[in-house]
Protein backbone atom coordinates (compact mmCIF):
# COMPACT_ATOMS: atom_id res chain seq x y z
CA MET A 1 7.20 -23.30 0.42
CA LYS A 2 4.56 -20.73 1.26
CA ALA A 3 3.80 -17.04 1.51
CA LEU A 4 1.96 -15.35 4.36
CA VAL A 5 -0.12 -12.28 3.53
CA THR A 6 -1.58 -10.29 6.40
CA GLY A 7 -4.64 -8.37 5.32
CA GLY A 8 -5.09 -10.99 2.62
CA ALA A 9 -8.88 -10.72 2.59
CA GLY A 10 -8.81 -7.05 1.64
CA PHE A 11 -8.85 -5.43 -1.75
CA LEU A 12 -5.08 -4.99 -1.99
CA GLY A 13 -4.18 -8.23 -0.19
CA SER A 14 -6.35 -10.46 -2.36
CA ARG A 15 -4.86 -8.91 -5.49
CA VAL A 16 -1.34 -9.43 -4.18
CA ILE A 17 -2.14 -13.10 -3.53
CA THR A 18 -3.47 -13.55 -7.05
CA ALA A 19 -0.46 -11.80 -8.57
CA LEU A 20 1.97 -13.84 -6.45
CA LEU A 21 0.49 -17.11 -7.67
CA GLU A 22 0.45 -15.90 -11.27
CA ALA A 23 4.10 -14.85 -11.01
CA HIS A 24 4.99 -18.24 -9.51
CA ASP A 25 3.16 -20.08 -12.28
CA ALA A 26 5.05 -18.03 -14.87
CA GLY A 27 8.38 -18.68 -13.18
CA HIS A 28 8.86 -15.00 -12.38
CA LEU A 29 9.37 -15.28 -8.62
CA ALA A 30 12.80 -15.55 -7.05
CA VAL A 31 11.30 -17.53 -4.15
CA GLU A 32 9.22 -20.69 -4.16
CA VAL A 33 5.53 -20.20 -3.32
CA ASP A 34 3.29 -23.27 -3.57
CA GLU A 35 0.77 -22.04 -1.00
CA VAL A 36 -0.40 -18.65 0.21
CA VAL A 37 -1.84 -18.16 3.69
CA SER A 38 -4.16 -15.18 4.14
CA LEU A 39 -4.38 -13.88 7.71
CA ASP A 40 -7.17 -11.37 8.23
CA LEU A 41 -10.26 -10.64 10.27
CA ALA A 42 -12.38 -11.95 7.39
CA GLU A 43 -12.30 -14.90 4.99
CA CYS A 44 -10.16 -14.41 1.90
CA PRO A 45 -12.54 -14.22 -1.09
CA LEU A 46 -10.23 -16.09 -3.48
CA ASP A 47 -11.28 -19.50 -4.71
CA ASP A 48 -7.95 -21.26 -5.28
CA PRO A 49 -6.86 -24.55 -3.66
CA ARG A 50 -3.44 -23.03 -3.04
CA VAL A 51 -4.91 -20.26 -0.85
CA ARG A 52 -5.57 -21.02 2.81
CA SER A 53 -7.65 -18.46 4.65
CA VAL A 54 -7.06 -18.00 8.37
CA VAL A 55 -9.42 -15.69 10.23
CA GLY A 56 -7.63 -14.23 13.22
CA ASP A 57 -5.77 -11.39 14.87
CA VAL A 58 -2.62 -10.35 13.02
CA GLY A 59 -1.04 -9.39 16.32
CA ASP A 60 -1.66 -12.68 18.16
CA PRO A 61 1.80 -14.15 18.91
CA LYS A 62 0.45 -17.70 19.28
CA ALA A 63 -1.34 -17.58 15.93
CA LEU A 64 1.72 -16.10 14.24
CA ALA A 65 3.98 -18.79 15.70
CA GLN A 66 1.76 -21.42 14.09
CA LEU A 67 1.63 -19.70 10.69
CA VAL A 68 5.27 -18.65 10.27
CA ASP A 69 7.58 -21.64 9.98
CA ALA A 70 10.60 -22.87 8.07
CA GLU A 71 8.41 -23.29 4.96
CA THR A 72 7.57 -19.57 4.90
CA SER A 73 9.66 -18.04 2.12
CA VAL A 74 8.03 -14.60 1.98
CA ILE A 75 5.80 -12.50 4.23
CA TYR A 76 3.66 -9.61 3.01
CA HIS A 77 2.61 -7.43 5.91
CA LEU A 78 -0.27 -5.36 4.51
CA ALA A 79 -2.65 -5.29 7.48
CA ALA A 80 -2.99 -1.88 9.11
CA VAL A 81 -5.36 0.63 10.63
CA LEU A 82 -5.60 3.32 7.95
CA SER A 83 -5.14 7.05 8.30
CA GLY A 84 -8.65 8.09 9.32
CA GLY A 85 -9.04 5.19 11.72
CA SER A 86 -5.64 5.91 13.23
CA GLU A 87 -6.59 9.51 13.94
CA ASP A 88 -9.81 8.36 15.57
CA ASP A 89 -8.25 5.62 17.74
CA VAL A 90 -4.57 6.02 18.57
CA ASP A 91 -4.54 2.95 20.83
CA LEU A 92 -5.83 0.71 18.07
CA ALA A 93 -3.33 2.22 15.64
CA LEU A 94 -0.45 1.46 18.00
CA GLU A 95 -1.76 -2.05 18.64
CA VAL A 96 -2.13 -2.99 14.98
CA ASN A 97 0.43 -0.85 13.17
CA VAL A 98 3.23 -1.15 15.73
CA ASP A 99 2.69 -4.03 18.17
CA ALA A 100 1.43 -6.49 15.55
CA THR A 101 4.34 -5.61 13.27
CA ARG A 102 6.77 -6.36 16.09
CA ASN A 103 5.00 -9.65 16.86
CA LEU A 104 5.15 -10.70 13.21
CA LEU A 105 8.84 -9.84 13.04
CA GLU A 106 9.45 -11.88 16.19
CA ALA A 107 7.66 -14.86 14.67
CA ALA A 108 9.91 -14.60 11.61
CA ARG A 109 12.98 -14.21 13.81
CA ALA A 110 12.12 -17.34 15.80
CA VAL A 111 12.13 -19.45 12.63
CA GLY A 112 15.74 -18.53 11.90
CA THR A 113 15.45 -18.66 8.08
CA ALA A 114 15.31 -14.89 7.37
CA PRO A 115 12.25 -14.94 5.07
CA ARG A 116 11.72 -12.08 2.67
CA PHE A 117 9.55 -9.52 4.44
CA VAL A 118 7.62 -7.00 2.33
CA PHE A 119 6.22 -4.23 4.53
CA THR A 120 3.82 -1.65 3.15
CA SER A 121 4.52 1.80 4.51
CA SER A 122 3.16 5.12 3.31
CA ILE A 123 4.12 8.58 2.11
CA ALA A 124 2.27 9.70 5.25
CA VAL A 125 5.59 9.30 7.10
CA PHE A 126 6.56 12.68 5.61
CA GLY A 127 5.57 16.16 6.72
CA GLY A 128 6.95 19.58 7.50
CA GLU A 129 8.79 21.64 4.93
CA MET A 130 9.75 19.59 1.90
CA PRO A 131 11.19 20.32 -1.53
CA ASP A 132 8.94 20.08 -4.58
CA VAL A 133 10.58 16.75 -5.43
CA VAL A 134 11.42 14.66 -2.37
CA PRO A 135 14.84 12.95 -2.49
CA GLU A 136 15.53 9.50 -1.10
CA THR A 137 17.45 11.08 1.76
CA GLN A 138 14.49 13.12 3.01
CA GLY A 139 13.91 12.58 6.71
CA VAL A 140 10.49 11.56 7.97
CA GLN A 141 8.36 13.98 9.96
CA PRO A 142 4.84 12.56 10.14
CA GLU A 143 1.93 14.84 10.89
CA SER A 144 -0.62 12.09 11.59
CA THR A 145 -0.91 9.09 13.87
CA TYR A 146 -0.94 6.81 10.84
CA GLY A 147 2.27 8.33 9.51
CA ALA A 148 3.92 8.07 12.92
CA THR A 149 3.03 4.40 13.34
CA LYS A 150 4.20 3.59 9.83
CA GLY A 151 7.47 5.40 10.52
CA ILE A 152 7.96 3.29 13.65
CA GLY A 153 7.19 0.20 11.60
CA GLU A 154 9.82 1.15 9.04
CA LEU A 155 12.51 1.41 11.72
CA LEU A 156 11.50 -1.91 13.28
CA VAL A 157 11.49 -3.80 9.99
CA ASN A 158 14.78 -2.30 8.87
CA GLU A 159 16.45 -3.16 12.18
CA TYR A 160 15.28 -6.77 12.04
CA SER A 161 16.64 -6.90 8.51
CA ARG A 162 19.97 -5.37 9.56
CA ARG A 163 20.28 -8.05 12.21
CA GLY A 164 19.60 -10.77 9.64
CA PHE A 165 16.28 -11.87 11.16
CA VAL A 166 14.36 -11.05 7.95
CA ASP A 167 15.24 -9.92 4.43
CA ALA A 168 13.23 -6.70 4.26
CA ARG A 169 11.75 -4.63 1.46
CA ILE A 170 9.93 -1.61 2.91
CA CYS A 171 7.61 -0.16 0.28
CA ARG A 172 6.21 3.34 0.78
CA LEU A 173 3.03 3.23 -1.26
CA PRO A 174 1.64 6.18 -3.19
CA THR A 175 -2.02 6.97 -2.64
CA ILE A 176 -3.91 4.28 -4.57
CA SER A 177 -6.46 5.52 -7.07
CA VAL A 178 -8.84 4.38 -8.38
CA ARG A 179 -9.87 1.82 -5.75
CA PRO A 180 -13.07 -0.11 -6.50
CA GLY A 181 -15.70 -0.74 -3.85
CA ARG A 182 -16.87 1.66 -1.19
CA PRO A 183 -14.96 4.41 0.68
CA ASN A 184 -12.58 3.22 3.39
CA THR A 185 -11.24 4.95 6.51
CA ALA A 186 -8.22 6.50 4.80
CA VAL A 187 -8.29 10.31 4.71
CA SER A 188 -7.16 9.94 1.09
CA SER A 189 -10.31 7.95 0.27
CA PHE A 190 -11.63 10.93 -1.68
CA ALA A 191 -8.84 10.41 -4.24
CA SER A 192 -10.76 7.37 -5.44
CA GLY A 193 -14.22 8.63 -4.52
CA ILE A 194 -14.16 11.70 -6.77
CA ILE A 195 -13.47 9.39 -9.73
CA ARG A 196 -15.21 6.13 -8.79
CA GLU A 197 -18.58 7.48 -7.68
CA PRO A 198 -19.14 9.84 -10.65
CA LEU A 199 -18.24 7.06 -13.10
CA GLN A 200 -20.85 4.91 -11.34
CA GLY A 201 -23.48 7.63 -11.66
CA GLU A 202 -23.23 8.77 -8.03
CA GLU A 203 -22.45 12.13 -6.42
CA ALA A 204 -19.05 12.77 -4.80
CA VAL A 205 -17.55 15.49 -2.62
CA CYS A 206 -13.99 16.77 -2.98
CA PRO A 207 -12.76 17.98 0.43
CA VAL A 208 -9.42 19.56 -0.63
CA PRO A 209 -8.42 22.48 -2.89
CA ARG A 210 -8.13 21.86 -6.62
CA ASP A 211 -4.40 22.71 -6.58
CA THR A 212 -3.60 19.97 -4.01
CA ARG A 213 -0.82 17.77 -5.41
CA LEU A 214 -1.04 14.01 -4.91
CA TRP A 215 1.38 11.14 -5.58
CA LEU A 216 -0.83 8.43 -7.07
CA SER A 217 -0.68 4.91 -8.42
CA SER A 218 -3.31 2.60 -9.84
CA PRO A 219 -4.10 -0.62 -7.93
CA ASP A 220 -2.69 -2.85 -10.68
CA THR A 221 0.61 -0.96 -10.73
CA VAL A 222 0.96 -1.03 -6.93
CA VAL A 223 0.32 -4.78 -6.90
CA ALA A 224 2.83 -5.38 -9.68
CA ASN A 225 5.43 -3.35 -7.79
CA LEU A 226 4.78 -5.20 -4.54
CA VAL A 227 5.26 -8.55 -6.27
CA HIS A 228 8.42 -7.20 -7.91
CA ALA A 229 9.74 -6.25 -4.45
CA ALA A 230 9.82 -9.92 -3.45
CA ARG A 231 11.82 -10.77 -6.57
CA LEU A 232 14.71 -8.43 -5.84
CA ASN A 233 18.11 -9.91 -5.13
CA PRO A 234 19.14 -8.68 -1.66
CA GLU A 235 22.60 -7.96 -3.03
CA HIS A 236 21.06 -5.20 -5.13
CA LEU A 237 19.49 -3.51 -2.10
CA PRO A 238 21.19 -1.05 0.25
CA ALA A 239 21.35 -1.51 4.01
CA TRP A 240 18.49 0.98 4.44
CA ARG A 241 15.71 -1.06 2.89
CA VAL A 242 13.11 1.69 2.36
CA LEU A 243 11.82 2.15 -1.19
CA ASN A 244 9.63 5.06 -2.32
CA LEU A 245 7.48 3.27 -4.90
CA PRO A 246 6.94 5.21 -8.13
CA GLY A 247 3.78 7.15 -8.80
CA VAL A 248 2.52 10.04 -10.90
CA THR A 249 2.16 13.61 -9.67
CA VAL A 250 -1.36 14.91 -10.23
CA THR A 251 -3.30 17.89 -8.91
CA VAL A 252 -6.93 17.47 -7.99
CA ALA A 253 -7.78 19.69 -10.97
CA GLU A 254 -5.88 17.31 -13.26
CA MET A 255 -7.69 14.35 -11.69
CA LEU A 256 -11.00 15.97 -12.55
CA ASP A 257 -9.78 16.62 -16.08
CA ALA A 258 -9.06 12.89 -16.37
CA LEU A 259 -12.53 12.12 -15.02
CA GLU A 260 -14.09 14.32 -17.69
CA ALA A 261 -11.92 12.80 -20.41
CA VAL A 262 -13.12 9.31 -19.52
CA GLY A 263 -16.63 9.87 -18.19
CA GLY A 264 -17.64 13.09 -19.93
CA ALA A 265 -19.11 16.33 -18.61
CA GLU A 266 -21.93 14.43 -16.91
CA ALA A 267 -19.49 12.59 -14.65
CA LEU A 268 -17.59 15.79 -13.83
CA ALA A 269 -20.83 17.55 -12.88
CA ARG A 270 -21.41 14.96 -10.14
CA VAL A 271 -18.40 16.26 -8.16
CA SER A 272 -19.02 19.06 -5.67
CA HIS A 273 -16.45 20.85 -3.52
CA GLU A 274 -16.81 21.10 0.25
CA HIS A 275 -13.63 21.93 2.16
CA ASP A 276 -12.72 19.65 5.08
CA GLU A 277 -9.94 21.21 7.13
CA ARG A 278 -8.96 17.97 8.87
CA ILE A 279 -8.56 16.03 5.64
CA SER A 280 -6.90 18.91 3.84
CA ARG A 281 -4.38 19.46 6.63
CA ILE A 282 -3.27 15.84 6.64
CA VAL A 283 -3.21 15.35 2.87
CA SER A 284 -1.37 18.62 2.23
CA SER A 285 1.44 17.42 4.53
CA TRP A 286 2.21 14.55 2.12
CA PRO A 287 4.71 14.98 -0.72
CA GLY A 288 3.42 15.36 -4.25
CA ALA A 289 6.51 14.15 -6.11
CA PHE A 290 9.54 11.94 -5.45
CA ASP A 291 12.93 11.27 -6.97
CA VAL A 292 12.50 7.63 -7.96
CA ASP A 293 15.49 7.13 -10.24
CA ARG A 294 16.92 4.38 -8.03
CA VAL A 295 13.69 2.39 -7.75
CA LEU A 296 13.14 2.67 -11.50
CA ALA A 297 16.64 1.26 -11.98
CA LEU A 298 15.59 -1.65 -9.73
CA GLY A 299 12.74 -2.45 -12.11
CA PHE A 300 9.75 -0.79 -10.42
CA ARG A 301 7.36 0.98 -12.79
CA PRO A 302 4.78 3.81 -12.51
CA ASP A 303 1.56 4.28 -14.44
CA ALA A 304 1.93 6.06 -17.76
CA SER A 305 -0.55 8.70 -16.59
CA PHE A 306 -3.41 9.18 -14.17
CA GLU A 307 -5.86 9.15 -17.07
CA ASP A 308 -4.60 5.65 -17.87
CA ALA A 309 -5.44 4.64 -14.30
CA VAL A 310 -8.97 6.06 -14.68
CA ARG A 311 -9.43 4.23 -17.98
CA GLN A 312 -8.19 1.03 -16.32
CA TYR A 313 -10.84 1.35 -13.63
CA HIS A 314 -13.55 2.25 -16.15
CA ALA A 315 -12.75 -0.75 -18.34
CA GLU A 316 -12.79 -3.21 -15.41
CA PHE A 317 -15.67 -1.92 -13.30
CA VAL A 318 -17.90 0.34 -15.44
CA ASP A 319 -17.88 -0.89 -19.05
């Protein structure tokens, strides 16, 4: 049996593939995964004989029909145009975030085996007036193209699951920080940049006010929670398959405190503040805290603190 991971060549996708294989080797997966197929626009960087890298378009129905078959036990749909790119090119966002999702669901439907389907959504589906702590019943009201396309994707995936075409787990991810590498096109990229760059001895700009609240998770914790999503017994899941993954609530000021605690005053001094109205408007529309009692009861776990996430990054990429 195999897993298909769209976006498998990326930072998050490659880590999910590694964690899936480790979980399988340890006997911690509820589904059999002897092979993982990465579908992306680039080669998957992993060197493992069980990983097959396919370079191609995630929305190509013919390619998907060849990759999704009766041996596909789980699908991770991670590929997407991120928030900044979606604002810049609405047509591309609709093509990748909506049309490709529908095509992938159709490929799974055609097989007739209802594979587990883990779809990564985002807290960007929210907007408008919200309580300080967002309940599970909060309606979506996106204030960005990215949030709108992810909201459409949620409805599509849940409907295909309701019809029995797939066995869905829709995971709304917190903002991931601290991401290694270089800035990406997400408007939340600064949430990693104001930590990552100073710890690497580089300057960084914070584009939002210091009191901006963010819902954050470290990469390792997000990956662990995504792998856990595939383990869940469908009998333990409600009909509405959307899960707000746990995170920690942190203000930008508290993030900078964590930076100073780990990197010292020298690292903190490398961060300057330059307000960007576009970024601030979008980010401030996202919730800063969620009621996650139900997902915690399902076995998902948050980071202990944001400082722990910073120390995790420092230990892996700076020390």
